[in-house]
Amino acid sequence: MSRIGKAPIEIPAGVTVKIEGNTVTVKGPKGQLSQTVNPDLHIKEENGHIIVERPSDDIEHRAQHGLYRALIHNMVVGVSTGYRKEMELVGVGYRAAATGQVLELSLGYSHAIYLKLPPEVKVEAKSERNKNPLIILESDDKQLLGQVCAKIRSLRKPEPYKGKGIKFVGEVIRRKSGKSAGAK
């Protein structure tokens, strides 16, 4: 049996879970999320825990058992504590500014890049002297947050020679040496 799938999901205080048919709705202080689950899987709520059970050891059921348990767990964590990602702009002249839900980026191109973010994602841009600019993104939806981060990162991926680009805080970029000097 899947180790992830059989682990019960603890429901923290202030979070309510509603299971209607094959739709799970989780509501908490940070927001409300819902997920449609495969109708073959059985989801039940018992004394403060959510339990996901599969009907058989069929390969399809085994694959979806852990998947839907993880998705429901991410929803519970998202509506109770939320998710936060910090991205760092490494490069001379790279800047970020956030006005409402629009993120303005200067990434060394001849023009500024404007990104309109979904209303579920809160954005903040910080610029301190002698430090790289930071973009801080917060949301209750882990999947949406990851998608937005991937879109921002794709605008200028970190390159291995100088390390310039948009990277996550704490991420280590594998560096390459340049041309060998005087190699004949």
C-alpha atoms as a PDB file:
ATOM      1  CA  MET A   1       0.000   0.000   0.000  1.00  0.00           C
ATOM      2  CA  SER A   2       1.178   3.523  -0.718  1.00  0.00           C
ATOM      3  CA  ARG A   3       2.940   5.049   2.268  1.00  0.00           C
ATOM      4  CA  ILE A   4       1.768   8.522   1.300  1.00  0.00           C
ATOM      5  CA  GLY A   5      -1.775   7.409   0.456  1.00  0.00           C
ATOM      6  CA  LYS A   6      -2.442   5.591   3.713  1.00  0.00           C
ATOM      7  CA  ALA A   7      -1.227   8.438   5.970  1.00  0.00           C
ATOM      8  CA  PRO A   8      -4.204  10.288   7.478  1.00  0.00           C
ATOM      9  CA  ILE A   9      -4.468  14.055   6.961  1.00  0.00           C
ATOM     10  CA  GLU A  10      -4.863  15.958  10.223  1.00  0.00           C
ATOM     11  CA  ILE A  11      -7.383  18.798  10.124  1.00  0.00           C
ATOM     12  CA  PRO A  12      -6.042  21.810  12.091  1.00  0.00           C
ATOM     13  CA  ALA A  13      -8.267  24.076  14.196  1.00  0.00           C
ATOM     14  CA  GLY A  14     -10.202  26.637  12.153  1.00  0.00           C
ATOM     15  CA  VAL A  15     -10.336  24.473   9.025  1.00  0.00           C
ATOM     16  CA  THR A  16     -13.570  22.885   7.813  1.00  0.00           C
ATOM     17  CA  VAL A  17     -13.737  20.047   5.288  1.00  0.00           C
ATOM     18  CA  LYS A  18     -16.831  19.248   3.227  1.00  0.00           C
ATOM     19  CA  ILE A  19     -16.991  16.037   1.180  1.00  0.00           C
ATOM     20  CA  GLU A  20     -19.808  15.951  -1.380  1.00  0.00           C
ATOM     21  CA  GLY A  21     -19.675  13.015  -3.760  1.00  0.00           C
ATOM     22  CA  ASN A  22     -16.262  13.147  -5.380  1.00  0.00           C
ATOM     23  CA  THR A  23     -15.553  16.838  -4.557  1.00  0.00           C
ATOM     24  CA  VAL A  24     -13.569  17.853  -1.478  1.00  0.00           C
ATOM     25  CA  THR A  25     -13.891  21.482  -0.330  1.00  0.00           C
ATOM     26  CA  VAL A  26     -11.531  22.853   2.317  1.00  0.00           C
ATOM     27  CA  LYS A  27     -12.195  26.203   3.972  1.00  0.00           C
ATOM     28  CA  GLY A  28      -9.894  28.009   6.401  1.00  0.00           C
ATOM     29  CA  PRO A  29      -8.614  31.410   7.515  1.00  0.00           C
ATOM     30  CA  LYS A  30      -6.512  31.919   4.337  1.00  0.00           C
ATOM     31  CA  GLY A  31      -9.227  30.988   1.825  1.00  0.00           C
ATOM     32  CA  GLN A  32     -11.219  28.187   0.265  1.00  0.00           C
ATOM     33  CA  LEU A  33     -10.077  25.477  -2.161  1.00  0.00           C
ATOM     34  CA  SER A  34     -11.839  22.535  -3.779  1.00  0.00           C
ATOM     35  CA  GLN A  35     -10.631  19.455  -5.646  1.00  0.00           C
ATOM     36  CA  THR A  36     -12.504  16.859  -7.685  1.00  0.00           C
ATOM     37  CA  VAL A  37     -11.327  13.346  -6.815  1.00  0.00           C
ATOM     38  CA  ASN A  38     -11.567  10.143  -8.847  1.00  0.00           C
ATOM     39  CA  PRO A  39     -14.985   8.633  -7.972  1.00  0.00           C
ATOM     40  CA  ASP A  40     -13.376   5.188  -7.438  1.00  0.00           C
ATOM     41  CA  LEU A  41     -11.468   6.414  -4.353  1.00  0.00           C
ATOM     42  CA  HIS A  42     -13.271   6.659  -1.012  1.00  0.00           C
ATOM     43  CA  ILE A  43     -12.691   9.754   1.115  1.00  0.00           C
ATOM     44  CA  LYS A  44     -14.011   9.982   4.646  1.00  0.00           C
ATOM     45  CA  GLU A  45     -13.616  12.248   7.635  1.00  0.00           C
ATOM     46  CA  GLU A  46     -13.064  10.552  10.999  1.00  0.00           C
ATOM     47  CA  ASN A  47     -12.365  12.278  14.361  1.00  0.00           C
ATOM     48  CA  GLY A  48     -10.331  15.200  12.989  1.00  0.00           C
ATOM     49  CA  HIS A  49      -8.605  13.323  10.160  1.00  0.00           C
ATOM     50  CA  ILE A  50      -9.247  12.823   6.436  1.00  0.00           C
ATOM     51  CA  ILE A  51      -8.636   9.294   5.182  1.00  0.00           C
ATOM     52  CA  VAL A  52      -8.268   8.354   1.490  1.00  0.00           C
ATOM     53  CA  GLU A  53      -8.900   4.682   0.636  1.00  0.00           C
ATOM     54  CA  ARG A  54      -8.625   2.838  -2.657  1.00  0.00           C
ATOM     55  CA  PRO A  55     -10.913  -0.013  -3.715  1.00  0.00           C
ATOM     56  CA  SER A  56      -8.259  -2.324  -5.211  1.00  0.00           C
ATOM     57  CA  ASP A  57      -4.560  -2.799  -5.907  1.00  0.00           C
ATOM     58  CA  ASP A  58      -5.090  -1.927  -9.559  1.00  0.00           C
ATOM     59  CA  ILE A  59      -2.147   0.120 -10.909  1.00  0.00           C
ATOM     60  CA  GLU A  60      -4.462   3.033 -11.723  1.00  0.00           C
ATOM     61  CA  HIS A  61      -5.895   3.099  -8.204  1.00  0.00           C
ATOM     62  CA  ARG A  62      -2.447   2.813  -6.603  1.00  0.00           C
ATOM     63  CA  ALA A  63      -1.164   5.761  -8.644  1.00  0.00           C
ATOM     64  CA  GLN A  64      -4.103   7.996  -7.777  1.00  0.00           C
ATOM     65  CA  HIS A  65      -4.214   7.018  -4.087  1.00  0.00           C
ATOM     66  CA  GLY A  66      -1.069   8.946  -3.140  1.00  0.00           C
ATOM     67  CA  LEU A  67      -1.752  11.725  -5.643  1.00  0.00           C
ATOM     68  CA  TYR A  68      -5.161  12.722  -4.300  1.00  0.00           C
ATOM     69  CA  ARG A  69      -4.032  12.355  -0.691  1.00  0.00           C
ATOM     70  CA  ALA A  70      -1.148  14.770  -1.412  1.00  0.00           C
ATOM     71  CA  LEU A  71      -3.445  17.229  -3.222  1.00  0.00           C
ATOM     72  CA  ILE A  72      -5.911  17.264  -0.325  1.00  0.00           C
ATOM     73  CA  HIS A  73      -3.043  17.686   2.180  1.00  0.00           C
ATOM     74  CA  ASN A  74      -1.703  20.648   0.167  1.00  0.00           C
ATOM     75  CA  MET A  75      -5.162  22.232   0.253  1.00  0.00           C
ATOM     76  CA  VAL A  76      -5.421  21.804   4.051  1.00  0.00           C
ATOM     77  CA  VAL A  77      -1.955  23.321   4.606  1.00  0.00           C
ATOM     78  CA  GLY A  78      -2.706  26.115   2.105  1.00  0.00           C
ATOM     79  CA  VAL A  79      -5.911  27.317   3.743  1.00  0.00           C
ATOM     80  CA  SER A  80      -4.460  27.081   7.261  1.00  0.00           C
ATOM     81  CA  THR A  81      -0.885  28.460   6.934  1.00  0.00           C
ATOM     82  CA  GLY A  82      -0.452  29.262   3.226  1.00  0.00           C
ATOM     83  CA  TYR A  83       2.577  28.946   0.969  1.00  0.00           C
ATOM     84  CA  ARG A  84       5.395  31.449   0.393  1.00  0.00           C
ATOM     85  CA  LYS A  85       8.129  31.559  -2.262  1.00  0.00           C
ATOM     86  CA  GLU A  86      10.995  34.048  -2.456  1.00  0.00           C
ATOM     87  CA  MET A  87      12.792  34.706  -5.727  1.00  0.00           C
ATOM     88  CA  GLU A  88      16.022  36.627  -6.167  1.00  0.00           C
ATOM     89  CA  LEU A  89      17.103  38.669  -9.200  1.00  0.00           C
ATOM     90  CA  VAL A  90      20.840  38.271  -9.752  1.00  0.00           C
ATOM     91  CA  GLY A  91      22.385  40.662 -12.268  1.00  0.00           C
ATOM     92  CA  VAL A  92      23.482  44.256 -12.707  1.00  0.00           C
ATOM     93  CA  GLY A  93      20.478  46.520 -13.272  1.00  0.00           C
ATOM     94  CA  TYR A  94      17.882  43.831 -12.652  1.00  0.00           C
ATOM     95  CA  ARG A  95      14.908  45.366 -10.840  1.00  0.00           C
ATOM     96  CA  ALA A  96      11.413  44.393  -9.737  1.00  0.00           C
ATOM     97  CA  ALA A  97       8.463  46.550  -8.685  1.00  0.00           C
ATOM     98  CA  ALA A  98       4.980  45.436  -7.674  1.00  0.00           C
ATOM     99  CA  THR A  99       1.915  47.676  -8.006  1.00  0.00           C
ATOM    100  CA  GLY A 100      -1.240  45.811  -7.040  1.00  0.00           C
ATOM    101  CA  GLN A 101      -1.362  42.569  -9.036  1.00  0.00           C
ATOM    102  CA  VAL A 102       1.070  43.769 -11.721  1.00  0.00           C
ATOM    103  CA  LEU A 103       4.755  42.873 -11.462  1.00  0.00           C
ATOM    104  CA  GLU A 104       7.187  45.062 -13.427  1.00  0.00           C
ATOM    105  CA  LEU A 105      10.554  43.482 -14.188  1.00  0.00           C
ATOM    106  CA  SER A 106      13.720  44.970 -15.702  1.00  0.00           C
ATOM    107  CA  LEU A 107      15.863  42.008 -16.702  1.00  0.00           C
ATOM    108  CA  GLY A 108      18.452  43.446 -19.069  1.00  0.00           C
ATOM    109  CA  TYR A 109      16.207  43.469 -22.118  1.00  0.00           C
ATOM    110  CA  SER A 110      15.543  46.644 -24.106  1.00  0.00           C
ATOM    111  CA  HIS A 111      12.061  46.844 -22.567  1.00  0.00           C
ATOM    112  CA  ALA A 112      10.381  46.314 -19.211  1.00  0.00           C
ATOM    113  CA  ILE A 113       8.262  43.201 -18.682  1.00  0.00           C
ATOM    114  CA  TYR A 114       4.819  43.546 -17.069  1.00  0.00           C
ATOM    115  CA  LEU A 115       3.180  40.438 -15.606  1.00  0.00           C
ATOM    116  CA  LYS A 116      -0.433  40.450 -14.403  1.00  0.00           C
ATOM    117  CA  LEU A 117      -0.706  37.934 -11.574  1.00  0.00           C
ATOM    118  CA  PRO A 118      -3.864  36.032 -10.553  1.00  0.00           C
ATOM    119  CA  PRO A 119      -5.824  37.562  -7.645  1.00  0.00           C
ATOM    120  CA  GLU A 120      -5.110  34.500  -5.430  1.00  0.00           C
ATOM    121  CA  VAL A 121      -1.361  35.317  -5.419  1.00  0.00           C
ATOM    122  CA  LYS A 122      -0.089  38.187  -3.276  1.00  0.00           C
ATOM    123  CA  VAL A 123       3.133  39.771  -4.543  1.00  0.00           C
ATOM    124  CA  GLU A 124       5.693  42.004  -2.876  1.00  0.00           C
ATOM    125  CA  ALA A 125       8.979  43.330  -4.280  1.00  0.00           C
ATOM    126  CA  LYS A 126      11.880  44.361  -2.037  1.00  0.00           C
ATOM    127  CA  SER A 127      15.014  46.250  -3.047  1.00  0.00           C
ATOM    128  CA  GLU A 128      17.726  46.926  -0.479  1.00  0.00           C
ATOM    129  CA  ARG A 129      21.016  48.659  -1.076  1.00  0.00           C
ATOM    130  CA  ASN A 130      23.909  46.284  -1.903  1.00  0.00           C
ATOM    131  CA  LYS A 131      21.551  43.283  -2.039  1.00  0.00           C
ATOM    132  CA  ASN A 132      19.804  41.542  -4.899  1.00  0.00           C
ATOM    133  CA  PRO A 133      16.130  42.511  -5.436  1.00  0.00           C
ATOM    134  CA  LEU A 134      13.611  40.022  -4.023  1.00  0.00           C
ATOM    135  CA  ILE A 135      10.156  39.002  -5.226  1.00  0.00           C
ATOM    136  CA  ILE A 136       8.003  37.483  -2.464  1.00  0.00           C
ATOM    137  CA  LEU A 137       4.930  35.516  -3.567  1.00  0.00           C
ATOM    138  CA  GLU A 138       2.254  34.158  -1.189  1.00  0.00           C
ATOM    139  CA  SER A 139      -0.843  32.080  -1.889  1.00  0.00           C
ATOM    140  CA  ASP A 140      -3.073  29.390  -0.422  1.00  0.00           C
ATOM    141  CA  ASP A 141      -2.902  27.355  -3.659  1.00  0.00           C
ATOM    142  CA  LYS A 142       0.449  25.542  -3.936  1.00  0.00           C
ATOM    143  CA  GLN A 143      -0.083  24.508  -7.549  1.00  0.00           C
ATOM    144  CA  LEU A 144      -0.923  28.030  -8.742  1.00  0.00           C
ATOM    145  CA  LEU A 145       1.992  29.519  -6.792  1.00  0.00           C
ATOM    146  CA  GLY A 146       4.429  27.079  -8.405  1.00  0.00           C
ATOM    147  CA  GLN A 147       3.043  27.863 -11.839  1.00  0.00           C
ATOM    148  CA  VAL A 148       3.454  31.634 -11.332  1.00  0.00           C
ATOM    149  CA  CYS A 149       7.027  31.128 -10.040  1.00  0.00           C
ATOM    150  CA  ALA A 150       7.871  28.991 -13.076  1.00  0.00           C
ATOM    151  CA  LYS A 151       6.506  31.698 -15.406  1.00  0.00           C
ATOM    152  CA  ILE A 152       8.566  34.437 -13.700  1.00  0.00           C
ATOM    153  CA  ARG A 153      11.692  32.255 -13.723  1.00  0.00           C
ATOM    154  CA  SER A 154      11.263  31.437 -17.431  1.00  0.00           C
ATOM    155  CA  LEU A 155      11.708  35.133 -18.296  1.00  0.00           C
ATOM    156  CA  ARG A 156      15.434  34.947 -17.399  1.00  0.00           C
ATOM    157  CA  LYS A 157      16.659  31.536 -16.226  1.00  0.00           C
ATOM    158  CA  PRO A 158      19.875  31.479 -14.168  1.00  0.00           C
ATOM    159  CA  GLU A 159      22.815  30.817 -16.450  1.00  0.00           C
ATOM    160  CA  PRO A 160      25.771  28.654 -15.331  1.00  0.00           C
ATOM    161  CA  TYR A 161      28.683  30.947 -16.278  1.00  0.00           C
ATOM    162  CA  LYS A 162      28.019  34.179 -14.375  1.00  0.00           C
ATOM    163  CA  GLY A 163      25.014  33.020 -12.339  1.00  0.00           C
ATOM    164  CA  LYS A 164      22.794  35.848 -13.622  1.00  0.00           C
ATOM    165  CA  GLY A 165      19.034  35.389 -13.793  1.00  0.00           C
ATOM    166  CA  ILE A 166      16.003  34.789 -11.580  1.00  0.00           C
ATOM    167  CA  LYS A 167      16.501  32.088  -8.943  1.00  0.00           C
ATOM    168  CA  PHE A 168      14.829  30.938  -5.742  1.00  0.00           C
ATOM    169  CA  VAL A 169      16.369  32.140  -2.478  1.00  0.00           C
ATOM    170  CA  GLY A 170      18.694  29.420  -1.214  1.00  0.00           C
ATOM    171  CA  GLU A 171      18.964  27.708  -4.607  1.00  0.00           C
ATOM    172  CA  VAL A 172      22.493  26.771  -5.624  1.00  0.00           C
ATOM    173  CA  ILE A 173      23.320  27.293  -9.295  1.00  0.00           C
ATOM    174  CA  ARG A 174      25.824  24.784 -10.641  1.00  0.00           C
ATOM    175  CA  ARG A 175      28.602  26.906 -12.097  1.00  0.00           C
ATOM    176  CA  LYS A 176      30.759  26.126 -15.119  1.00  0.00           C
ATOM    177  CA  SER A 177      34.207  27.448 -15.849  1.00  0.00           C
ATOM    178  CA  GLY A 178      34.545  29.570 -18.972  1.00  0.00           C
ATOM    179  CA  LYS A 179      36.971  29.019 -21.807  1.00  0.00           C
ATOM    180  CA  SER A 180      40.312  27.605 -20.744  1.00  0.00           C
ATOM    181  CA  ALA A 181      42.888  30.361 -21.070  1.00  0.00           C
ATOM    182  CA  GLY A 182      45.721  29.562 -23.492  1.00  0.00           C
ATOM    183  CA  ALA A 183      44.539  26.067 -24.436  1.00  0.00           C
ATOM    184  CA  LYS A 184      46.260  25.069 -27.663  1.00  0.00           C
END
